[in-house]
């Protein structure tokens, strides 16, 4: 038995690679920090003094969505996780170029 609307969700592998990805980090104080990448990451809601760039580990692979590269970083000490976006380089996709032009417009 198929769910209603299930035929809408069928996508090619190229479309799947370029779709927006959901954030797998769940910020909560009810559970202990847990790394279950790529399914989910349980993290404390606030960063602490120990959460420095040197203290964070990159989890998994770098992903790219619409020209924006990101990865997940977790603090070794307390388990606080963030979704880190890399600075976009010149000569990237049209999505990045349109975002930059929009940003310049908003600053003016």
PDB file of N, CA and C in Angstrom:
ATOM      1  N   UNK A   1       0.841  -1.178   0.000  1.00  0.00           N
ATOM      2  CA  UNK A   1       0.000   0.000   0.000  1.00  0.00           C
ATOM      3  C   UNK A   1       0.884   1.238   0.000  1.00  0.00           C
ATOM      4  N   UNK A   2       0.644   2.149  -0.930  1.00  0.00           N
ATOM      5  CA  UNK A   2       1.461   3.355  -1.032  1.00  0.00           C
ATOM      6  C   UNK A   2       0.794   4.506  -0.304  1.00  0.00           C
ATOM      7  N   UNK A   3       1.620   5.349   0.251  1.00  0.00           N
ATOM      8  CA  UNK A   3       1.102   6.533   0.922  1.00  0.00           C
ATOM      9  C   UNK A   3       0.659   7.551  -0.112  1.00  0.00           C
ATOM     10  N   UNK A   4      -0.289   8.359   0.262  1.00  0.00           N
ATOM     11  CA  UNK A   4      -0.759   9.421  -0.627  1.00  0.00           C
ATOM     12  C   UNK A   4       0.369  10.424  -0.810  1.00  0.00           C
ATOM     13  N   UNK A   5       0.649  10.750  -2.055  1.00  0.00           N
ATOM     14  CA  UNK A   5       1.694  11.714  -2.349  1.00  0.00           C
ATOM     15  C   UNK A   5       3.081  11.125  -2.404  1.00  0.00           C
ATOM     16  N   UNK A   6       3.200   9.808  -2.278  1.00  0.00           N
ATOM     17  CA  UNK A   6       4.531   9.196  -2.273  1.00  0.00           C
ATOM     18  C   UNK A   6       5.213   9.317  -3.629  1.00  0.00           C
ATOM     19  N   UNK A   7       4.416   9.425  -4.699  1.00  0.00           N
ATOM     20  CA  UNK A   7       5.027   9.567  -6.021  1.00  0.00           C
ATOM     21  C   UNK A   7       5.656  10.944  -6.208  1.00  0.00           C
ATOM     22  N   UNK A   8       5.256  11.908  -5.410  1.00  0.00           N
ATOM     23  CA  UNK A   8       5.826  13.259  -5.502  1.00  0.00           C
ATOM     24  C   UNK A   8       7.266  13.254  -5.003  1.00  0.00           C
ATOM     25  N   UNK A   9       7.567  12.431  -4.021  1.00  0.00           N
ATOM     26  CA  UNK A   9       8.874  12.444  -3.383  1.00  0.00           C
ATOM     27  C   UNK A   9       9.958  11.725  -4.171  1.00  0.00           C
ATOM     28  N   UNK A  10       9.601  11.000  -5.232  1.00  0.00           N
ATOM     29  CA  UNK A  10      10.606  10.284  -5.999  1.00  0.00           C
ATOM     30  C   UNK A  10      11.517  11.289  -6.690  1.00  0.00           C
ATOM     31  N   UNK A  11      12.809  11.150  -6.492  1.00  0.00           N
ATOM     32  CA  UNK A  11      13.777  12.066  -7.066  1.00  0.00           C
ATOM     33  C   UNK A  11      14.935  11.286  -7.656  1.00  0.00           C
ATOM     34  N   UNK A  12      15.601  11.900  -8.607  1.00  0.00           N
ATOM     35  CA  UNK A  12      16.796  11.299  -9.169  1.00  0.00           C
ATOM     36  C   UNK A  12      17.934  11.449  -8.176  1.00  0.00           C
ATOM     37  N   UNK A  13      19.013  10.743  -8.405  1.00  0.00           N
ATOM     38  CA  UNK A  13      20.157  10.847  -7.495  1.00  0.00           C
ATOM     39  C   UNK A  13      20.763  12.242  -7.535  1.00  0.00           C
ATOM     40  N   UNK A  14      20.703  12.902  -8.688  1.00  0.00           N
ATOM     41  CA  UNK A  14      21.233  14.264  -8.772  1.00  0.00           C
ATOM     42  C   UNK A  14      20.383  15.227  -7.949  1.00  0.00           C
ATOM     43  N   UNK A  15      19.069  15.064  -7.997  1.00  0.00           N
ATOM     44  CA  UNK A  15      18.177  15.918  -7.213  1.00  0.00           C
ATOM     45  C   UNK A  15      18.364  15.672  -5.720  1.00  0.00           C
ATOM     46  N   UNK A  16      18.588  14.410  -5.349  1.00  0.00           N
ATOM     47  CA  UNK A  16      18.812  14.101  -3.942  1.00  0.00           C
ATOM     48  C   UNK A  16      20.104  14.739  -3.432  1.00  0.00           C
ATOM     49  N   UNK A  17      21.124  14.764  -4.262  1.00  0.00           N
ATOM     50  CA  UNK A  17      22.406  15.335  -3.852  1.00  0.00           C
ATOM     51  C   UNK A  17      22.313  16.839  -3.674  1.00  0.00           C
ATOM     52  N   UNK A  18      21.402  17.500  -4.394  1.00  0.00           N
ATOM     53  CA  UNK A  18      21.311  18.956  -4.345  1.00  0.00           C
ATOM     54  C   UNK A  18      20.182  19.488  -3.478  1.00  0.00           C
ATOM     55  N   UNK A  19      19.381  18.602  -2.882  1.00  0.00           N
ATOM     56  CA  UNK A  19      18.264  19.096  -2.082  1.00  0.00           C
ATOM     57  C   UNK A  19      18.758  19.670  -0.754  1.00  0.00           C
ATOM     58  N   UNK A  20      17.937  20.507  -0.159  1.00  0.00           N
ATOM     59  CA  UNK A  20      18.279  21.066   1.136  1.00  0.00           C
ATOM     60  C   UNK A  20      18.299  19.952   2.166  1.00  0.00           C
ATOM     61  N   UNK A  21      19.305  19.948   2.994  1.00  0.00           N
ATOM     62  CA  UNK A  21      19.391  18.906   4.002  1.00  0.00           C
ATOM     63  C   UNK A  21      18.901  19.448   5.337  1.00  0.00           C
ATOM     64  N   UNK A  22      18.268  18.610   6.078  1.00  0.00           N
ATOM     65  CA  UNK A  22      17.768  19.038   7.382  1.00  0.00           C
ATOM     66  C   UNK A  22      18.905  19.001   8.387  1.00  0.00           C
ATOM     67  N   UNK A  23      18.737  19.747   9.434  1.00  0.00           N
ATOM     68  CA  UNK A  23      19.736  19.799  10.485  1.00  0.00           C
ATOM     69  C   UNK A  23      19.550  18.582  11.380  1.00  0.00           C
ATOM     70  N   UNK A  24      20.594  17.783  11.530  1.00  0.00           N
ATOM     71  CA  UNK A  24      20.483  16.557  12.325  1.00  0.00           C
ATOM     72  C   UNK A  24      20.818  16.793  13.795  1.00  0.00           C
ATOM     73  N   UNK A  25      21.180  18.020  14.155  1.00  0.00           N
ATOM     74  CA  UNK A  25      21.525  18.322  15.550  1.00  0.00           C
ATOM     75  C   UNK A  25      20.252  18.576  16.340  1.00  0.00           C
ATOM     76  N   UNK A  26      20.133  17.911  17.472  1.00  0.00           N
ATOM     77  CA  UNK A  26      19.003  18.130  18.382  1.00  0.00           C
ATOM     78  C   UNK A  26      19.563  18.722  19.669  1.00  0.00           C
ATOM     79  N   UNK A  27      19.178  19.971  19.949  1.00  0.00           N
ATOM     80  CA  UNK A  27      19.653  20.660  21.147  1.00  0.00           C
ATOM     81  C   UNK A  27      18.681  20.402  22.292  1.00  0.00           C
ATOM     82  N   UNK A  28      19.182  19.766  23.364  1.00  0.00           N
ATOM     83  CA  UNK A  28      18.332  19.441  24.498  1.00  0.00           C
ATOM     84  C   UNK A  28      19.172  19.265  25.762  1.00  0.00           C
ATOM     85  N   UNK A  29      18.527  19.489  26.900  1.00  0.00           N
ATOM     86  CA  UNK A  29      19.173  19.225  28.188  1.00  0.00           C
ATOM     87  C   UNK A  29      18.665  17.920  28.788  1.00  0.00           C
ATOM     88  N   UNK A  30      17.666  17.313  28.146  1.00  0.00           N
ATOM     89  CA  UNK A  30      17.066  16.083  28.665  1.00  0.00           C
ATOM     90  C   UNK A  30      17.938  14.848  28.435  1.00  0.00           C
ATOM     91  N   UNK A  31      18.761  14.873  27.392  1.00  0.00           N
ATOM     92  CA  UNK A  31      19.602  13.728  27.064  1.00  0.00           C
ATOM     93  C   UNK A  31      21.077  14.108  27.155  1.00  0.00           C
ATOM     94  N   UNK A  32      21.904  13.104  27.369  1.00  0.00           N
ATOM     95  CA  UNK A  32      23.347  13.335  27.369  1.00  0.00           C
ATOM     96  C   UNK A  32      23.815  13.530  25.930  1.00  0.00           C
ATOM     97  N   UNK A  33      24.913  14.288  25.722  1.00  0.00           N
ATOM     98  CA  UNK A  33      25.434  14.472  24.356  1.00  0.00           C
ATOM     99  C   UNK A  33      25.771  13.124  23.721  1.00  0.00           C
ATOM    100  N   UNK A  34      25.350  12.976  22.460  1.00  0.00           N
ATOM    101  CA  UNK A  34      25.527  11.693  21.786  1.00  0.00           C
ATOM    102  C   UNK A  34      25.772  11.945  20.297  1.00  0.00           C
ATOM    103  N   UNK A  35      26.743  11.244  19.740  1.00  0.00           N
ATOM    104  CA  UNK A  35      27.047  11.358  18.323  1.00  0.00           C
ATOM    105  C   UNK A  35      26.569  10.104  17.604  1.00  0.00           C
ATOM    106  N   UNK A  36      25.472  10.231  16.874  1.00  0.00           N
ATOM    107  CA  UNK A  36      24.946   9.125  16.076  1.00  0.00           C
ATOM    108  C   UNK A  36      24.945   9.535  14.604  1.00  0.00           C
ATOM    109  N   UNK A  37      26.015  10.228  14.198  1.00  0.00           N
ATOM    110  CA  UNK A  37      26.122  10.686  12.815  1.00  0.00           C
ATOM    111  C   UNK A  37      26.067   9.490  11.878  1.00  0.00           C
ATOM    112  N   UNK A  38      25.365   9.493  10.811  1.00  0.00           N
ATOM    113  CA  UNK A  38      24.658  10.576  10.129  1.00  0.00           C
ATOM    114  C   UNK A  38      23.187  10.692  10.476  1.00  0.00           C
ATOM    115  N   UNK A  39      22.690   9.898  11.419  1.00  0.00           N
ATOM    116  CA  UNK A  39      21.261   9.976  11.755  1.00  0.00           C
ATOM    117  C   UNK A  39      20.943  11.215  12.572  1.00  0.00           C
ATOM    118  N   UNK A  40      21.629  11.398  13.697  1.00  0.00           N
ATOM    119  CA  UNK A  40      21.373  12.566  14.545  1.00  0.00           C
ATOM    120  C   UNK A  40      22.536  12.791  15.491  1.00  0.00           C
ATOM    121  N   UNK A  41      22.573  13.997  16.024  1.00  0.00           N
ATOM    122  CA  UNK A  41      23.565  14.375  17.025  1.00  0.00           C
ATOM    123  C   UNK A  41      22.810  15.060  18.150  1.00  0.00           C
ATOM    124  N   UNK A  42      22.939  14.570  19.369  1.00  0.00           N
ATOM    125  CA  UNK A  42      22.316  15.193  20.536  1.00  0.00           C
ATOM    126  C   UNK A  42      23.360  16.094  21.172  1.00  0.00           C
ATOM    127  N   UNK A  43      22.978  17.355  21.410  1.00  0.00           N
ATOM    128  CA  UNK A  43      23.936  18.354  21.875  1.00  0.00           C
ATOM    129  C   UNK A  43      23.324  19.217  22.969  1.00  0.00           C
ATOM    130  N   UNK A  44      24.151  19.717  23.897  1.00  0.00           N
ATOM    131  CA  UNK A  44      23.649  20.718  24.846  1.00  0.00           C
ATOM    132  C   UNK A  44      23.244  21.979  24.074  1.00  0.00           C
ATOM    133  N   UNK A  45      22.259  22.725  24.564  1.00  0.00           N
ATOM    134  CA  UNK A  45      21.771  23.879  23.808  1.00  0.00           C
ATOM    135  C   UNK A  45      22.728  25.070  23.746  1.00  0.00           C
ATOM    136  N   UNK A  46      23.618  25.213  24.696  1.00  0.00           N
ATOM    137  CA  UNK A  46      24.505  26.382  24.716  1.00  0.00           C
ATOM    138  C   UNK A  46      25.968  25.960  24.722  1.00  0.00           C
ATOM    139  N   UNK A  47      26.790  26.755  24.033  1.00  0.00           N
ATOM    140  CA  UNK A  47      28.232  26.504  24.031  1.00  0.00           C
ATOM    141  C   UNK A  47      28.836  26.949  25.359  1.00  0.00           C
ATOM    142  N   UNK A  48      29.951  26.347  25.725  1.00  0.00           N
ATOM    143  CA  UNK A  48      30.653  26.701  26.967  1.00  0.00           C
ATOM    144  C   UNK A  48      32.016  27.279  26.624  1.00  0.00           C
ATOM    145  N   UNK A  49      32.773  27.604  27.644  1.00  0.00           N
ATOM    146  CA  UNK A  49      34.108  28.174  27.439  1.00  0.00           C
ATOM    147  C   UNK A  49      35.055  27.172  26.779  1.00  0.00           C
ATOM    148  N   UNK A  50      34.785  25.898  26.937  1.00  0.00           N
ATOM    149  CA  UNK A  50      35.646  24.868  26.343  1.00  0.00           C
ATOM    150  C   UNK A  50      35.436  24.725  24.833  1.00  0.00           C
ATOM    151  N   UNK A  51      34.391  25.295  24.311  1.00  0.00           N
ATOM    152  CA  UNK A  51      34.032  25.138  22.892  1.00  0.00           C
ATOM    153  C   UNK A  51      34.827  26.101  22.003  1.00  0.00           C
ATOM    154  N   UNK A  52      36.109  25.833  21.871  1.00  0.00           N
ATOM    155  CA  UNK A  52      36.959  26.634  20.998  1.00  0.00           C
ATOM    156  C   UNK A  52      37.161  25.888  19.681  1.00  0.00           C
ATOM    157  N   UNK A  53      37.669  26.583  18.694  1.00  0.00           N
ATOM    158  CA  UNK A  53      37.890  25.974  17.388  1.00  0.00           C
ATOM    159  C   UNK A  53      38.892  24.819  17.482  1.00  0.00           C
ATOM    160  N   UNK A  54      39.885  24.946  18.345  1.00  0.00           N
ATOM    161  CA  UNK A  54      40.895  23.899  18.509  1.00  0.00           C
ATOM    162  C   UNK A  54      40.322  22.655  19.182  1.00  0.00           C
ATOM    163  N   UNK A  55      39.233  22.831  19.933  1.00  0.00           N
ATOM    164  CA  UNK A  55      38.655  21.747  20.715  1.00  0.00           C
ATOM    165  C   UNK A  55      37.528  21.020  19.972  1.00  0.00           C
ATOM    166  N   UNK A  56      37.190  21.485  18.775  1.00  0.00           N
ATOM    167  CA  UNK A  56      36.088  20.881  18.029  1.00  0.00           C
ATOM    168  C   UNK A  56      36.600  19.885  16.991  1.00  0.00           C
ATOM    169  N   UNK A  57      35.900  18.758  16.876  1.00  0.00           N
ATOM    170  CA  UNK A  57      36.225  17.727  15.900  1.00  0.00           C
ATOM    171  C   UNK A  57      35.220  17.776  14.752  1.00  0.00           C
ATOM    172  N   UNK A  58      35.711  17.591  13.535  1.00  0.00           N
ATOM    173  CA  UNK A  58      34.824  17.501  12.374  1.00  0.00           C
ATOM    174  C   UNK A  58      34.253  16.091  12.339  1.00  0.00           C
ATOM    175  N   UNK A  59      32.930  16.011  12.228  1.00  0.00           N
ATOM    176  CA  UNK A  59      32.243  14.722  12.221  1.00  0.00           C
ATOM    177  C   UNK A  59      31.729  14.461  10.808  1.00  0.00           C
ATOM    178  N   UNK A  60      32.041  13.308  10.269  1.00  0.00           N
ATOM    179  CA  UNK A  60      31.548  12.939   8.950  1.00  0.00           C
ATOM    180  C   UNK A  60      32.283  13.654   7.836  1.00  0.00           C
ATOM    181  N   UNK A  61      31.607  13.747   6.698  1.00  0.00           N
ATOM    182  CA  UNK A  61      32.199  14.338   5.505  1.00  0.00           C
ATOM    183  C   UNK A  61      31.663  15.747   5.293  1.00  0.00           C
ATOM    184  N   UNK A  62      32.408  16.521   4.529  1.00  0.00           N
ATOM    185  CA  UNK A  62      31.947  17.839   4.134  1.00  0.00           C
ATOM    186  C   UNK A  62      30.872  17.655   3.070  1.00  0.00           C
ATOM    187  N   UNK A  63      29.737  18.329   3.252  1.00  0.00           N
ATOM    188  CA  UNK A  63      28.630  18.230   2.298  1.00  0.00           C
ATOM    189  C   UNK A  63      28.466  19.568   1.595  1.00  0.00           C
ATOM    190  N   UNK A  64      27.864  19.535   0.412  1.00  0.00           N
ATOM    191  CA  UNK A  64      27.617  20.764  -0.329  1.00  0.00           C
ATOM    192  C   UNK A  64      26.159  20.786  -0.770  1.00  0.00           C
ATOM    193  N   UNK A  65      25.480  21.883  -0.444  1.00  0.00           N
ATOM    194  CA  UNK A  65      24.094  22.078  -0.840  1.00  0.00           C
ATOM    195  C   UNK A  65      23.991  23.444  -1.492  1.00  0.00           C
ATOM    196  N   UNK A  66      23.621  23.459  -2.764  1.00  0.00           N
ATOM    197  CA  UNK A  66      23.463  24.685  -3.552  1.00  0.00           C
ATOM    198  C   UNK A  66      24.711  25.558  -3.487  1.00  0.00           C
ATOM    199  N   UNK A  67      25.868  24.961  -3.543  1.00  0.00           N
ATOM    200  CA  UNK A  67      27.115  25.706  -3.563  1.00  0.00           C
ATOM    201  C   UNK A  67      27.671  26.058  -2.202  1.00  0.00           C
ATOM    202  N   UNK A  68      26.949  25.792  -1.137  1.00  0.00           N
ATOM    203  CA  UNK A  68      27.414  26.092   0.216  1.00  0.00           C
ATOM    204  C   UNK A  68      27.930  24.809   0.855  1.00  0.00           C
ATOM    205  N   UNK A  69      29.192  24.814   1.274  1.00  0.00           N
ATOM    206  CA  UNK A  69      29.788  23.637   1.906  1.00  0.00           C
ATOM    207  C   UNK A  69      29.658  23.756   3.415  1.00  0.00           C
ATOM    208  N   UNK A  70      29.334  22.629   4.060  1.00  0.00           N
ATOM    209  CA  UNK A  70      29.211  22.628   5.519  1.00  0.00           C
ATOM    210  C   UNK A  70      29.604  21.266   6.067  1.00  0.00           C
ATOM    211  N   UNK A  71      29.864  21.260   7.366  1.00  0.00           N
ATOM    212  CA  UNK A  71      30.131  20.020   8.091  1.00  0.00           C
ATOM    213  C   UNK A  71      29.612  20.193   9.512  1.00  0.00           C
ATOM    214  N   UNK A  72      29.635  19.128  10.262  1.00  0.00           N
ATOM    215  CA  UNK A  72      29.237  19.178  11.667  1.00  0.00           C
ATOM    216  C   UNK A  72      30.491  19.121  12.526  1.00  0.00           C
ATOM    217  N   UNK A  73      30.548  19.983  13.544  1.00  0.00           N
ATOM    218  CA  UNK A  73      31.678  19.994  14.472  1.00  0.00           C
ATOM    219  C   UNK A  73      31.158  19.804  15.887  1.00  0.00           C
ATOM    220  N   UNK A  74      31.877  18.952  16.649  1.00  0.00           N
ATOM    221  CA  UNK A  74      31.476  18.639  18.019  1.00  0.00           C
ATOM    222  C   UNK A  74      32.633  18.933  18.965  1.00  0.00           C
ATOM    223  N   UNK A  75      32.321  19.583  20.085  1.00  0.00           N
ATOM    224  CA  UNK A  75      33.322  19.862  21.121  1.00  0.00           C
ATOM    225  C   UNK A  75      33.711  18.549  21.801  1.00  0.00           C
ATOM    226  N   UNK A  76      35.005  18.325  21.915  1.00  0.00           N
ATOM    227  CA  UNK A  76      35.496  17.089  22.541  1.00  0.00           C
ATOM    228  C   UNK A  76      35.149  17.017  24.022  1.00  0.00           C
ATOM    229  N   UNK A  77      35.089  18.160  24.699  1.00  0.00           N
ATOM    230  CA  UNK A  77      34.896  18.180  26.146  1.00  0.00           C
ATOM    231  C   UNK A  77      33.433  18.035  26.559  1.00  0.00           C
ATOM    232  N   UNK A  78      32.567  18.928  26.047  1.00  0.00           N
ATOM    233  CA  UNK A  78      31.179  18.947  26.516  1.00  0.00           C
ATOM    234  C   UNK A  78      30.179  18.357  25.527  1.00  0.00           C
ATOM    235  N   UNK A  79      30.559  18.174  24.264  1.00  0.00           N
ATOM    236  CA  UNK A  79      29.670  17.579  23.290  1.00  0.00           C
ATOM    237  C   UNK A  79      28.786  18.562  22.538  1.00  0.00           C
ATOM    238  N   UNK A  80      29.014  19.870  22.707  1.00  0.00           N
ATOM    239  CA  UNK A  80      28.206  20.854  21.979  1.00  0.00           C
ATOM    240  C   UNK A  80      28.510  20.752  20.489  1.00  0.00           C
ATOM    241  N   UNK A  81      27.469  20.691  19.672  1.00  0.00           N
ATOM    242  CA  UNK A  81      27.629  20.509  18.235  1.00  0.00           C
ATOM    243  C   UNK A  81      27.128  21.727  17.470  1.00  0.00           C
ATOM    244  N   UNK A  82      27.773  22.008  16.356  1.00  0.00           N
ATOM    245  CA  UNK A  82      27.361  23.091  15.474  1.00  0.00           C
ATOM    246  C   UNK A  82      27.421  22.612  14.031  1.00  0.00           C
ATOM    247  N   UNK A  83      26.664  23.265  13.198  1.00  0.00           N
ATOM    248  CA  UNK A  83      26.716  23.032  11.756  1.00  0.00           C
ATOM    249  C   UNK A  83      27.556  24.174  11.198  1.00  0.00           C
ATOM    250  N   UNK A  84      28.764  23.858  10.776  1.00  0.00           N
ATOM    251  CA  UNK A  84      29.740  24.868  10.360  1.00  0.00           C
ATOM    252  C   UNK A  84      29.703  25.026   8.839  1.00  0.00           C
ATOM    253  N   UNK A  85      29.492  26.270   8.382  1.00  0.00           N
ATOM    254  CA  UNK A  85      29.503  26.567   6.951  1.00  0.00           C
ATOM    255  C   UNK A  85      30.842  27.166   6.579  1.00  0.00           C
ATOM    256  N   UNK A  86      31.471  26.599   5.562  1.00  0.00           N
ATOM    257  CA  UNK A  86      32.748  27.109   5.077  1.00  0.00           C
ATOM    258  C   UNK A  86      32.526  28.396   4.297  1.00  0.00           C
ATOM    259  N   UNK A  87      33.487  29.315   4.360  1.00  0.00           N
ATOM    260  CA  UNK A  87      33.373  30.525   3.545  1.00  0.00           C
ATOM    261  C   UNK A  87      33.357  30.149   2.064  1.00  0.00           C
ATOM    262  N   UNK A  88      32.456  30.757   1.321  1.00  0.00           N
ATOM    263  CA  UNK A  88      32.331  30.443  -0.106  1.00  0.00           C
ATOM    264  C   UNK A  88      33.476  31.092  -0.873  1.00  0.00           C
ATOM    265  N   UNK A  89      34.048  30.354  -1.793  1.00  0.00           N
ATOM    266  CA  UNK A  89      35.151  30.856  -2.612  1.00  0.00           C
ATOM    267  C   UNK A  89      34.595  31.516  -3.868  1.00  0.00           C
ATOM    268  N   UNK A  90      35.387  32.401  -4.452  1.00  0.00           N
ATOM    269  CA  UNK A  90      34.978  33.041  -5.701  1.00  0.00           C
ATOM    270  C   UNK A  90      34.854  31.990  -6.795  1.00  0.00           C
ATOM    271  N   UNK A  91      34.012  32.268  -7.760  1.00  0.00           N
ATOM    272  CA  UNK A  91      33.852  31.355  -8.882  1.00  0.00           C
ATOM    273  C   UNK A  91      33.042  30.126  -8.533  1.00  0.00           C
ATOM    274  N   UNK A  92      32.131  30.256  -7.579  1.00  0.00           N
ATOM    275  CA  UNK A  92      31.301  29.120  -7.189  1.00  0.00           C
ATOM    276  C   UNK A  92      29.981  29.148  -7.948  1.00  0.00           C
ATOM    277  N   UNK A  93      29.008  28.457  -7.462  1.00  0.00           N
ATOM    278  CA  UNK A  93      27.748  28.259  -8.177  1.00  0.00           C
ATOM    279  C   UNK A  93      26.923  29.544  -8.270  1.00  0.00           C
ATOM    280  N   UNK A  94      25.898  29.487  -9.097  1.00  0.00           N
ATOM    281  CA  UNK A  94      25.003  30.628  -9.285  1.00  0.00           C
ATOM    282  C   UNK A  94      24.252  30.962  -8.001  1.00  0.00           C
ATOM    283  N   UNK A  95      23.949  29.949  -7.176  1.00  0.00           N
ATOM    284  CA  UNK A  95      23.235  30.194  -5.923  1.00  0.00           C
ATOM    285  C   UNK A  95      24.066  31.058  -4.987  1.00  0.00           C
ATOM    286  N   UNK A  96      25.362  30.797  -4.914  1.00  0.00           N
ATOM    287  CA  UNK A  96      26.242  31.583  -4.048  1.00  0.00           C
ATOM    288  C   UNK A  96      26.354  33.004  -4.589  1.00  0.00           C
ATOM    289  N   UNK A  97      26.493  33.138  -5.892  1.00  0.00           N
ATOM    290  CA  UNK A  97      26.604  34.472  -6.491  1.00  0.00           C
ATOM    291  C   UNK A  97      25.341  35.290  -6.266  1.00  0.00           C
ATOM    292  N   UNK A  98      24.167  34.681  -6.410  1.00  0.00           N
ATOM    293  CA  UNK A  98      22.923  35.425  -6.184  1.00  0.00           C
ATOM    294  C   UNK A  98      22.764  35.785  -4.709  1.00  0.00           C
ATOM    295  N   UNK A  99      23.194  34.896  -3.807  1.00  0.00           N
ATOM    296  CA  UNK A  99      23.137  35.197  -2.369  1.00  0.00           C
ATOM    297  C   UNK A  99      24.035  36.378  -2.042  1.00  0.00           C
ATOM    298  N   UNK A 100      25.247  36.385  -2.599  1.00  0.00           N
ATOM    299  CA  UNK A 100      26.166  37.495  -2.342  1.00  0.00           C
ATOM    300  C   UNK A 100      25.617  38.814  -2.865  1.00  0.00           C
ATOM    301  N   UNK A 101      25.039  38.809  -4.054  1.00  0.00           N
ATOM    302  CA  UNK A 101      24.488  40.051  -4.596  1.00  0.00           C
ATOM    303  C   UNK A 101      23.289  40.517  -3.751  1.00  0.00           C
ATOM    304  N   UNK A 102      22.488  39.590  -3.253  1.00  0.00           N
ATOM    305  CA  UNK A 102      21.373  39.938  -2.383  1.00  0.00           C
ATOM    306  C   UNK A 102      21.890  40.527  -1.078  1.00  0.00           C
ATOM    307  N   UNK A 103      22.961  39.934  -0.531  1.00  0.00           N
ATOM    308  CA  UNK A 103      23.552  40.410   0.717  1.00  0.00           C
ATOM    309  C   UNK A 103      24.086  41.825   0.554  1.00  0.00           C
ATOM    310  N   UNK A 104      24.759  42.086  -0.573  1.00  0.00           N
ATOM    311  CA  UNK A 104      25.270  43.439  -0.833  1.00  0.00           C
ATOM    312  C   UNK A 104      24.120  44.439  -0.913  1.00  0.00           C
ATOM    313  N   UNK A 105      23.030  44.030  -1.533  1.00  0.00           N
ATOM    314  CA  UNK A 105      21.861  44.886  -1.648  1.00  0.00           C
ATOM    315  C   UNK A 105      21.274  45.187  -0.268  1.00  0.00           C
ATOM    316  N   UNK A 106      21.215  44.177   0.608  1.00  0.00           N
ATOM    317  CA  UNK A 106      20.637  44.363   1.945  1.00  0.00           C
ATOM    318  C   UNK A 106      21.500  45.258   2.817  1.00  0.00           C
ATOM    319  N   UNK A 107      22.810  45.253   2.603  1.00  0.00           N
ATOM    320  CA  UNK A 107      23.716  46.072   3.420  1.00  0.00           C
ATOM    321  C   UNK A 107      23.555  47.551   3.061  1.00  0.00           C
ATOM    322  N   UNK A 108      23.289  47.831   1.795  1.00  0.00           N
ATOM    323  CA  UNK A 108      23.119  49.223   1.365  1.00  0.00           C
ATOM    324  C   UNK A 108      21.866  49.754   1.915  1.00  0.00           C
TER     325      UNK A 108
END
